[in-house]
């Protein structure tokens, strides 16, 4: 019974782990958090994503990947009615 419990526990924990996107450095992750904080901690549309990309040098795909990473990690939350996301880490905490 112990091996079954261990496998279940591993399965549960693996769903809780969030891995940063490939080819994204810790500095890029920090720059993303700082840039999102500079626009009020919320990403809704083009007028929010573009300043983050300009400040960080990230592509749109990298910015979206980092947003997904923070959602999976629990350091961002979806806003009601699909109105965007709110970052909840760094200066946005």
PDB file of N, CA and C in Angstrom:
ATOM      1  N   UNK A   1       0.819  -1.190   0.000  1.00  0.00           N
ATOM      2  CA  UNK A   1       0.000   0.000   0.000  1.00  0.00           C
ATOM      3  C   UNK A   1       0.865   1.257   0.000  1.00  0.00           C
ATOM      4  N   UNK A   2       2.023   1.199   0.597  1.00  0.00           N
ATOM      5  CA  UNK A   2       2.904   2.365   0.633  1.00  0.00           C
ATOM      6  C   UNK A   2       3.337   2.802  -0.765  1.00  0.00           C
ATOM      7  N   UNK A   3       3.706   1.871  -1.675  1.00  0.00           N
ATOM      8  CA  UNK A   3       4.099   2.323  -3.013  1.00  0.00           C
ATOM      9  C   UNK A   3       2.971   3.052  -3.737  1.00  0.00           C
ATOM     10  N   UNK A   4       1.738   2.607  -3.571  1.00  0.00           N
ATOM     11  CA  UNK A   4       0.610   3.261  -4.216  1.00  0.00           C
ATOM     12  C   UNK A   4       0.442   4.667  -3.664  1.00  0.00           C
ATOM     13  N   UNK A   5       0.557   4.814  -2.358  1.00  0.00           N
ATOM     14  CA  UNK A   5       0.457   6.131  -1.733  1.00  0.00           C
ATOM     15  C   UNK A   5       1.548   7.054  -2.248  1.00  0.00           C
ATOM     16  N   UNK A   6       2.766   6.542  -2.359  1.00  0.00           N
ATOM     17  CA  UNK A   6       3.893   7.340  -2.843  1.00  0.00           C
ATOM     18  C   UNK A   6       3.654   7.803  -4.276  1.00  0.00           C
ATOM     19  N   UNK A   7       3.135   6.924  -5.124  1.00  0.00           N
ATOM     20  CA  UNK A   7       2.856   7.299  -6.504  1.00  0.00           C
ATOM     21  C   UNK A   7       1.772   8.372  -6.580  1.00  0.00           C
ATOM     22  N   UNK A   8       0.758   8.242  -5.750  1.00  0.00           N
ATOM     23  CA  UNK A   8      -0.306   9.251  -5.716  1.00  0.00           C
ATOM     24  C   UNK A   8       0.236  10.593  -5.256  1.00  0.00           C
ATOM     25  N   UNK A   9       1.078  10.560  -4.239  1.00  0.00           N
ATOM     26  CA  UNK A   9       1.661  11.790  -3.714  1.00  0.00           C
ATOM     27  C   UNK A   9       2.536  12.461  -4.762  1.00  0.00           C
ATOM     28  N   UNK A  10       3.332  11.685  -5.471  1.00  0.00           N
ATOM     29  CA  UNK A  10       4.178  12.235  -6.527  1.00  0.00           C
ATOM     30  C   UNK A  10       3.312  12.857  -7.621  1.00  0.00           C
ATOM     31  N   UNK A  11       2.243  12.193  -7.980  1.00  0.00           N
ATOM     32  CA  UNK A  11       1.332  12.729  -8.992  1.00  0.00           C
ATOM     33  C   UNK A  11       0.705  14.037  -8.562  1.00  0.00           C
ATOM     34  N   UNK A  12       0.296  14.130  -7.324  1.00  0.00           N
ATOM     35  CA  UNK A  12      -0.290  15.365  -6.819  1.00  0.00           C
ATOM     36  C   UNK A  12       0.723  16.492  -6.792  1.00  0.00           C
ATOM     37  N   UNK A  13       1.913  16.207  -6.318  1.00  0.00           N
ATOM     38  CA  UNK A  13       2.935  17.238  -6.225  1.00  0.00           C
ATOM     39  C   UNK A  13       3.400  17.704  -7.595  1.00  0.00           C
ATOM     40  N   UNK A  14       3.488  16.812  -8.554  1.00  0.00           N
ATOM     41  CA  UNK A  14       3.961  17.214  -9.879  1.00  0.00           C
ATOM     42  C   UNK A  14       2.998  18.211 -10.518  1.00  0.00           C
ATOM     43  N   UNK A  15       1.722  18.123 -10.208  1.00  0.00           N
ATOM     44  CA  UNK A  15       0.758  19.085 -10.712  1.00  0.00           C
ATOM     45  C   UNK A  15       0.909  20.445 -10.067  1.00  0.00           C
ATOM     46  N   UNK A  16       1.537  20.498  -8.915  1.00  0.00           N
ATOM     47  CA  UNK A  16       1.707  21.752  -8.196  1.00  0.00           C
ATOM     48  C   UNK A  16       2.996  22.465  -8.575  1.00  0.00           C
ATOM     49  N   UNK A  17       3.893  21.776  -9.227  1.00  0.00           N
ATOM     50  CA  UNK A  17       5.177  22.373  -9.566  1.00  0.00           C
ATOM     51  C   UNK A  17       5.060  23.174 -10.853  1.00  0.00           C
ATOM     52  N   UNK A  18       5.625  24.353 -10.823  1.00  0.00           N
ATOM     53  CA  UNK A  18       5.651  25.189 -12.016  1.00  0.00           C
ATOM     54  C   UNK A  18       7.104  25.393 -12.414  1.00  0.00           C
ATOM     55  N   UNK A  19       7.412  25.080 -13.642  1.00  0.00           N
ATOM     56  CA  UNK A  19       8.768  25.245 -14.130  1.00  0.00           C
ATOM     57  C   UNK A  19       8.832  26.474 -15.018  1.00  0.00           C
ATOM     58  N   UNK A  20       9.886  27.282 -14.861  1.00  0.00           N
ATOM     59  CA  UNK A  20      10.001  28.475 -15.714  1.00  0.00           C
ATOM     60  C   UNK A  20      10.155  28.074 -17.177  1.00  0.00           C
ATOM     61  N   UNK A  21       9.717  28.930 -18.068  1.00  0.00           N
ATOM     62  CA  UNK A  21       9.847  28.625 -19.501  1.00  0.00           C
ATOM     63  C   UNK A  21      11.315  28.450 -19.886  1.00  0.00           C
ATOM     64  N   UNK A  22      11.539  27.614 -20.869  1.00  0.00           N
ATOM     65  CA  UNK A  22      12.894  27.406 -21.378  1.00  0.00           C
ATOM     66  C   UNK A  22      13.406  28.702 -22.000  1.00  0.00           C
ATOM     67  N   UNK A  23      14.698  28.871 -21.976  1.00  0.00           N
ATOM     68  CA  UNK A  23      15.363  30.037 -22.567  1.00  0.00           C
ATOM     69  C   UNK A  23      15.000  31.354 -21.880  1.00  0.00           C
ATOM     70  N   UNK A  24      14.483  31.286 -20.667  1.00  0.00           N
ATOM     71  CA  UNK A  24      14.188  32.485 -19.884  1.00  0.00           C
ATOM     72  C   UNK A  24      15.106  32.457 -18.669  1.00  0.00           C
ATOM     73  N   UNK A  25      15.921  33.478 -18.531  1.00  0.00           N
ATOM     74  CA  UNK A  25      16.874  33.541 -17.421  1.00  0.00           C
ATOM     75  C   UNK A  25      16.200  34.112 -16.173  1.00  0.00           C
ATOM     76  N   UNK A  26      16.793  33.914 -15.006  1.00  0.00           N
ATOM     77  CA  UNK A  26      16.251  34.536 -13.795  1.00  0.00           C
ATOM     78  C   UNK A  26      16.173  36.061 -13.918  1.00  0.00           C
ATOM     79  N   UNK A  27      17.135  36.662 -14.606  1.00  0.00           N
ATOM     80  CA  UNK A  27      17.106  38.112 -14.798  1.00  0.00           C
ATOM     81  C   UNK A  27      15.902  38.530 -15.644  1.00  0.00           C
ATOM     82  N   UNK A  28      15.595  37.741 -16.665  1.00  0.00           N
ATOM     83  CA  UNK A  28      14.432  38.034 -17.507  1.00  0.00           C
ATOM     84  C   UNK A  28      13.145  37.916 -16.693  1.00  0.00           C
ATOM     85  N   UNK A  29      13.084  36.924 -15.803  1.00  0.00           N
ATOM     86  CA  UNK A  29      11.912  36.773 -14.946  1.00  0.00           C
ATOM     87  C   UNK A  29      11.773  37.978 -14.020  1.00  0.00           C
ATOM     88  N   UNK A  30      12.892  38.432 -13.459  1.00  0.00           N
ATOM     89  CA  UNK A  30      12.859  39.608 -12.586  1.00  0.00           C
ATOM     90  C   UNK A  30      12.444  40.859 -13.352  1.00  0.00           C
ATOM     91  N   UNK A  31      12.977  41.026 -14.563  1.00  0.00           N
ATOM     92  CA  UNK A  31      12.614  42.179 -15.392  1.00  0.00           C
ATOM     93  C   UNK A  31      11.119  42.167 -15.704  1.00  0.00           C
ATOM     94  N   UNK A  32      10.573  40.991 -15.960  1.00  0.00           N
ATOM     95  CA  UNK A  32       9.134  40.852 -16.240  1.00  0.00           C
ATOM     96  C   UNK A  32       8.319  41.336 -15.039  1.00  0.00           C
ATOM     97  N   UNK A  33       8.681  40.873 -13.851  1.00  0.00           N
ATOM     98  CA  UNK A  33       7.947  41.258 -12.639  1.00  0.00           C
ATOM     99  C   UNK A  33       8.024  42.768 -12.430  1.00  0.00           C
ATOM    100  N   UNK A  34       9.195  43.343 -12.616  1.00  0.00           N
ATOM    101  CA  UNK A  34       9.366  44.786 -12.453  1.00  0.00           C
ATOM    102  C   UNK A  34       8.547  45.559 -13.484  1.00  0.00           C
ATOM    103  N   UNK A  35       8.565  45.090 -14.719  1.00  0.00           N
ATOM    104  CA  UNK A  35       7.823  45.768 -15.787  1.00  0.00           C
ATOM    105  C   UNK A  35       6.317  45.688 -15.557  1.00  0.00           C
ATOM    106  N   UNK A  36       5.826  44.532 -15.152  1.00  0.00           N
ATOM    107  CA  UNK A  36       4.385  44.398 -14.891  1.00  0.00           C
ATOM    108  C   UNK A  36       3.995  45.293 -13.710  1.00  0.00           C
ATOM    109  N   UNK A  37       4.838  45.379 -12.704  1.00  0.00           N
ATOM    110  CA  UNK A  37       4.560  46.266 -11.568  1.00  0.00           C
ATOM    111  C   UNK A  37       4.481  47.723 -12.035  1.00  0.00           C
ATOM    112  N   UNK A  38       5.317  48.095 -12.998  1.00  0.00           N
ATOM    113  CA  UNK A  38       5.345  49.486 -13.467  1.00  0.00           C
ATOM    114  C   UNK A  38       4.069  49.900 -14.194  1.00  0.00           C
ATOM    115  N   UNK A  39       3.292  48.920 -14.656  1.00  0.00           N
ATOM    116  CA  UNK A  39       2.034  49.254 -15.352  1.00  0.00           C
ATOM    117  C   UNK A  39       0.817  48.961 -14.473  1.00  0.00           C
ATOM    118  N   UNK A  40       1.035  48.737 -13.182  1.00  0.00           N
ATOM    119  CA  UNK A  40      -0.086  48.553 -12.274  1.00  0.00           C
ATOM    120  C   UNK A  40      -0.412  47.114 -11.933  1.00  0.00           C
ATOM    121  N   UNK A  41       0.457  46.184 -12.278  1.00  0.00           N
ATOM    122  CA  UNK A  41       0.345  44.769 -11.888  1.00  0.00           C
ATOM    123  C   UNK A  41      -0.726  43.976 -12.630  1.00  0.00           C
ATOM    124  N   UNK A  42      -1.360  44.572 -13.618  1.00  0.00           N
ATOM    125  CA  UNK A  42      -2.433  43.886 -14.349  1.00  0.00           C
ATOM    126  C   UNK A  42      -2.113  43.879 -15.838  1.00  0.00           C
ATOM    127  N   UNK A  43      -2.276  42.711 -16.449  1.00  0.00           N
ATOM    128  CA  UNK A  43      -2.132  42.560 -17.899  1.00  0.00           C
ATOM    129  C   UNK A  43      -3.501  42.223 -18.465  1.00  0.00           C
ATOM    130  N   UNK A  44      -4.031  43.116 -19.311  1.00  0.00           N
ATOM    131  CA  UNK A  44      -5.350  42.883 -19.896  1.00  0.00           C
ATOM    132  C   UNK A  44      -5.300  42.764 -21.412  1.00  0.00           C
ATOM    133  N   UNK A  45      -4.609  43.688 -22.059  1.00  0.00           N
ATOM    134  CA  UNK A  45      -4.634  43.722 -23.514  1.00  0.00           C
ATOM    135  C   UNK A  45      -3.333  44.289 -24.060  1.00  0.00           C
ATOM    136  N   UNK A  46      -3.341  44.606 -25.332  1.00  0.00           N
ATOM    137  CA  UNK A  46      -2.150  45.096 -26.033  1.00  0.00           C
ATOM    138  C   UNK A  46      -1.508  46.284 -25.316  1.00  0.00           C
ATOM    139  N   UNK A  47      -2.327  47.189 -24.785  1.00  0.00           N
ATOM    140  CA  UNK A  47      -1.786  48.379 -24.126  1.00  0.00           C
ATOM    141  C   UNK A  47      -1.041  48.037 -22.840  1.00  0.00           C
ATOM    142  N   UNK A  48      -1.202  46.833 -22.331  1.00  0.00           N
ATOM    143  CA  UNK A  48      -0.454  46.378 -21.158  1.00  0.00           C
ATOM    144  C   UNK A  48       0.755  45.529 -21.566  1.00  0.00           C
ATOM    145  N   UNK A  49       0.546  44.634 -22.517  1.00  0.00           N
ATOM    146  CA  UNK A  49       1.634  43.738 -22.915  1.00  0.00           C
ATOM    147  C   UNK A  49       2.774  44.483 -23.607  1.00  0.00           C
ATOM    148  N   UNK A  50       2.437  45.447 -24.458  1.00  0.00           N
ATOM    149  CA  UNK A  50       3.469  46.135 -25.219  1.00  0.00           C
ATOM    150  C   UNK A  50       4.480  46.871 -24.326  1.00  0.00           C
ATOM    151  N   UNK A  51       4.068  47.622 -23.297  1.00  0.00           N
ATOM    152  CA  UNK A  51       5.062  48.262 -22.445  1.00  0.00           C
ATOM    153  C   UNK A  51       5.950  47.263 -21.706  1.00  0.00           C
ATOM    154  N   UNK A  52       5.378  46.124 -21.324  1.00  0.00           N
ATOM    155  CA  UNK A  52       6.175  45.090 -20.657  1.00  0.00           C
ATOM    156  C   UNK A  52       7.235  44.563 -21.623  1.00  0.00           C
ATOM    157  N   UNK A  53       6.839  44.311 -22.855  1.00  0.00           N
ATOM    158  CA  UNK A  53       7.788  43.817 -23.851  1.00  0.00           C
ATOM    159  C   UNK A  53       8.880  44.845 -24.141  1.00  0.00           C
ATOM    160  N   UNK A  54       8.512  46.108 -24.244  1.00  0.00           N
ATOM    161  CA  UNK A  54       9.497  47.157 -24.513  1.00  0.00           C
ATOM    162  C   UNK A  54      10.479  47.324 -23.360  1.00  0.00           C
ATOM    163  N   UNK A  55       9.977  47.256 -22.137  1.00  0.00           N
ATOM    164  CA  UNK A  55      10.844  47.422 -20.969  1.00  0.00           C
ATOM    165  C   UNK A  55      11.793  46.249 -20.774  1.00  0.00           C
ATOM    166  N   UNK A  56      11.348  45.061 -21.133  1.00  0.00           N
ATOM    167  CA  UNK A  56      12.128  43.857 -20.842  1.00  0.00           C
ATOM    168  C   UNK A  56      12.928  43.337 -22.028  1.00  0.00           C
ATOM    169  N   UNK A  57      12.506  43.673 -23.241  1.00  0.00           N
ATOM    170  CA  UNK A  57      13.130  43.102 -24.425  1.00  0.00           C
ATOM    171  C   UNK A  57      12.617  41.706 -24.736  1.00  0.00           C
ATOM    172  N   UNK A  58      11.569  41.286 -24.030  1.00  0.00           N
ATOM    173  CA  UNK A  58      10.971  39.969 -24.262  1.00  0.00           C
ATOM    174  C   UNK A  58      10.071  40.017 -25.487  1.00  0.00           C
ATOM    175  N   UNK A  59       9.931  38.878 -26.142  1.00  0.00           N
ATOM    176  CA  UNK A  59       8.973  38.761 -27.233  1.00  0.00           C
ATOM    177  C   UNK A  59       7.579  38.571 -26.630  1.00  0.00           C
ATOM    178  N   UNK A  60       6.564  38.673 -27.465  1.00  0.00           N
ATOM    179  CA  UNK A  60       5.197  38.432 -26.989  1.00  0.00           C
ATOM    180  C   UNK A  60       5.073  37.014 -26.456  1.00  0.00           C
ATOM    181  N   UNK A  61       5.643  36.050 -27.184  1.00  0.00           N
ATOM    182  CA  UNK A  61       5.566  34.652 -26.757  1.00  0.00           C
ATOM    183  C   UNK A  61       6.230  34.468 -25.384  1.00  0.00           C
ATOM    184  N   UNK A  62       7.389  35.072 -25.168  1.00  0.00           N
ATOM    185  CA  UNK A  62       8.072  34.957 -23.878  1.00  0.00           C
ATOM    186  C   UNK A  62       7.242  35.603 -22.770  1.00  0.00           C
ATOM    187  N   UNK A  63       6.639  36.736 -23.075  1.00  0.00           N
ATOM    188  CA  UNK A  63       5.805  37.422 -22.095  1.00  0.00           C
ATOM    189  C   UNK A  63       4.603  36.564 -21.717  1.00  0.00           C
ATOM    190  N   UNK A  64       3.969  35.966 -22.704  1.00  0.00           N
ATOM    191  CA  UNK A  64       2.829  35.089 -22.438  1.00  0.00           C
ATOM    192  C   UNK A  64       3.272  33.857 -21.661  1.00  0.00           C
ATOM    193  N   UNK A  65       4.421  33.294 -22.031  1.00  0.00           N
ATOM    194  CA  UNK A  65       4.942  32.126 -21.312  1.00  0.00           C
ATOM    195  C   UNK A  65       5.221  32.458 -19.847  1.00  0.00           C
ATOM    196  N   UNK A  66       5.775  33.633 -19.588  1.00  0.00           N
ATOM    197  CA  UNK A  66       6.037  34.035 -18.193  1.00  0.00           C
ATOM    198  C   UNK A  66       4.728  34.266 -17.444  1.00  0.00           C
ATOM    199  N   UNK A  67       3.740  34.793 -18.136  1.00  0.00           N
ATOM    200  CA  UNK A  67       2.427  34.983 -17.509  1.00  0.00           C
ATOM    201  C   UNK A  67       1.823  33.631 -17.129  1.00  0.00           C
ATOM    202  N   UNK A  68       1.896  32.666 -18.034  1.00  0.00           N
ATOM    203  CA  UNK A  68       1.402  31.314 -17.745  1.00  0.00           C
ATOM    204  C   UNK A  68       2.174  30.690 -16.589  1.00  0.00           C
ATOM    205  N   UNK A  69       3.477  30.900 -16.567  1.00  0.00           N
ATOM    206  CA  UNK A  69       4.327  30.389 -15.483  1.00  0.00           C
ATOM    207  C   UNK A  69       3.861  30.940 -14.136  1.00  0.00           C
ATOM    208  N   UNK A  70       3.607  32.240 -14.074  1.00  0.00           N
ATOM    209  CA  UNK A  70       3.169  32.833 -12.806  1.00  0.00           C
ATOM    210  C   UNK A  70       1.770  32.361 -12.414  1.00  0.00           C
ATOM    211  N   UNK A  71       0.909  32.122 -13.384  1.00  0.00           N
ATOM    212  CA  UNK A  71      -0.409  31.558 -13.072  1.00  0.00           C
ATOM    213  C   UNK A  71      -0.264  30.160 -12.482  1.00  0.00           C
ATOM    214  N   UNK A  72       0.579  29.332 -13.099  1.00  0.00           N
ATOM    215  CA  UNK A  72       0.786  27.962 -12.611  1.00  0.00           C
ATOM    216  C   UNK A  72       1.454  27.953 -11.238  1.00  0.00           C
ATOM    217  N   UNK A  73       2.322  28.910 -11.012  1.00  0.00           N
ATOM    218  CA  UNK A  73       3.064  29.005  -9.751  1.00  0.00           C
ATOM    219  C   UNK A  73       2.198  29.578  -8.625  1.00  0.00           C
ATOM    220  N   UNK A  74       1.117  30.243  -8.982  1.00  0.00           N
ATOM    221  CA  UNK A  74       0.251  30.851  -7.972  1.00  0.00           C
ATOM    222  C   UNK A  74       0.664  32.267  -7.613  1.00  0.00           C
ATOM    223  N   UNK A  75       1.561  32.853  -8.398  1.00  0.00           N
ATOM    224  CA  UNK A  75       1.990  34.229  -8.144  1.00  0.00           C
ATOM    225  C   UNK A  75       1.271  35.209  -9.067  1.00  0.00           C
ATOM    226  N   UNK A  76       0.245  34.714  -9.747  1.00  0.00           N
ATOM    227  CA  UNK A  76      -0.652  35.538 -10.553  1.00  0.00           C
ATOM    228  C   UNK A  76      -2.023  34.888 -10.494  1.00  0.00           C
ATOM    229  N   UNK A  77      -3.041  35.699 -10.713  1.00  0.00           N
ATOM    230  CA  UNK A  77      -4.405  35.169 -10.713  1.00  0.00           C
ATOM    231  C   UNK A  77      -5.168  35.727 -11.903  1.00  0.00           C
ATOM    232  N   UNK A  78      -6.083  34.903 -12.402  1.00  0.00           N
ATOM    233  CA  UNK A  78      -6.955  35.361 -13.474  1.00  0.00           C
ATOM    234  C   UNK A  78      -7.993  36.295 -12.879  1.00  0.00           C
ATOM    235  N   UNK A  79      -8.284  37.363 -13.593  1.00  0.00           N
ATOM    236  CA  UNK A  79      -9.311  38.295 -13.161  1.00  0.00           C
ATOM    237  C   UNK A  79     -10.677  37.785 -13.614  1.00  0.00           C
ATOM    238  N   UNK A  80     -11.738  38.170 -12.924  1.00  0.00           N
ATOM    239  CA  UNK A  80     -13.080  37.701 -13.300  1.00  0.00           C
ATOM    240  C   UNK A  80     -13.425  38.058 -14.750  1.00  0.00           C
ATOM    241  N   UNK A  81     -14.247  37.238 -15.333  1.00  0.00           N
ATOM    242  CA  UNK A  81     -14.747  37.446 -16.702  1.00  0.00           C
ATOM    243  C   UNK A  81     -13.633  37.528 -17.740  1.00  0.00           C
ATOM    244  N   UNK A  82     -12.540  36.790 -17.512  1.00  0.00           N
ATOM    245  CA  UNK A  82     -11.406  36.784 -18.446  1.00  0.00           C
ATOM    246  C   UNK A  82     -10.913  38.193 -18.762  1.00  0.00           C
ATOM    247  N   UNK A  83     -10.876  39.038 -17.752  1.00  0.00           N
ATOM    248  CA  UNK A  83     -10.459  40.431 -17.939  1.00  0.00           C
ATOM    249  C   UNK A  83      -8.958  40.600 -17.808  1.00  0.00           C
ATOM    250  N   UNK A  84      -8.203  39.514 -17.857  1.00  0.00           N
ATOM    251  CA  UNK A  84      -6.753  39.595 -17.768  1.00  0.00           C
ATOM    252  C   UNK A  84      -6.234  38.865 -16.549  1.00  0.00           C
ATOM    253  N   UNK A  85      -5.001  39.218 -16.168  1.00  0.00           N
ATOM    254  CA  UNK A  85      -4.393  38.610 -14.984  1.00  0.00           C
ATOM    255  C   UNK A  85      -3.809  39.708 -14.095  1.00  0.00           C
ATOM    256  N   UNK A  86      -3.713  39.374 -12.809  1.00  0.00           N
ATOM    257  CA  UNK A  86      -3.064  40.256 -11.843  1.00  0.00           C
ATOM    258  C   UNK A  86      -1.873  39.514 -11.276  1.00  0.00           C
ATOM    259  N   UNK A  87      -0.703  40.131 -11.360  1.00  0.00           N
ATOM    260  CA  UNK A  87       0.508  39.566 -10.779  1.00  0.00           C
ATOM    261  C   UNK A  87       0.483  39.818  -9.285  1.00  0.00           C
ATOM    262  N   UNK A  88       0.935  38.857  -8.483  1.00  0.00           N
ATOM    263  CA  UNK A  88       0.881  38.969  -7.025  1.00  0.00           C
ATOM    264  C   UNK A  88       2.227  38.618  -6.398  1.00  0.00           C
ATOM    265  N   UNK A  89       3.304  39.149  -6.980  1.00  0.00           N
ATOM    266  CA  UNK A  89       4.638  38.891  -6.465  1.00  0.00           C
ATOM    267  C   UNK A  89       5.467  40.157  -6.648  1.00  0.00           C
ATOM    268  N   UNK A  90       6.615  40.217  -6.008  1.00  0.00           N
ATOM    269  CA  UNK A  90       7.455  41.406  -6.118  1.00  0.00           C
ATOM    270  C   UNK A  90       6.728  42.615  -5.587  1.00  0.00           C
ATOM    271  N   UNK A  91       6.817  43.730  -6.304  1.00  0.00           N
ATOM    272  CA  UNK A  91       6.137  44.961  -5.894  1.00  0.00           C
ATOM    273  C   UNK A  91       4.618  44.843  -5.987  1.00  0.00           C
ATOM    274  N   UNK A  92       4.131  43.803  -6.644  1.00  0.00           N
ATOM    275  CA  UNK A  92       2.684  43.587  -6.803  1.00  0.00           C
ATOM    276  C   UNK A  92       2.092  42.748  -5.670  1.00  0.00           C
ATOM    277  N   UNK A  93       2.934  42.302  -4.760  1.00  0.00           N
ATOM    278  CA  UNK A  93       2.452  41.425  -3.668  1.00  0.00           C
ATOM    279  C   UNK A  93       1.593  42.198  -2.679  1.00  0.00           C
TER     280      UNK A  93
END
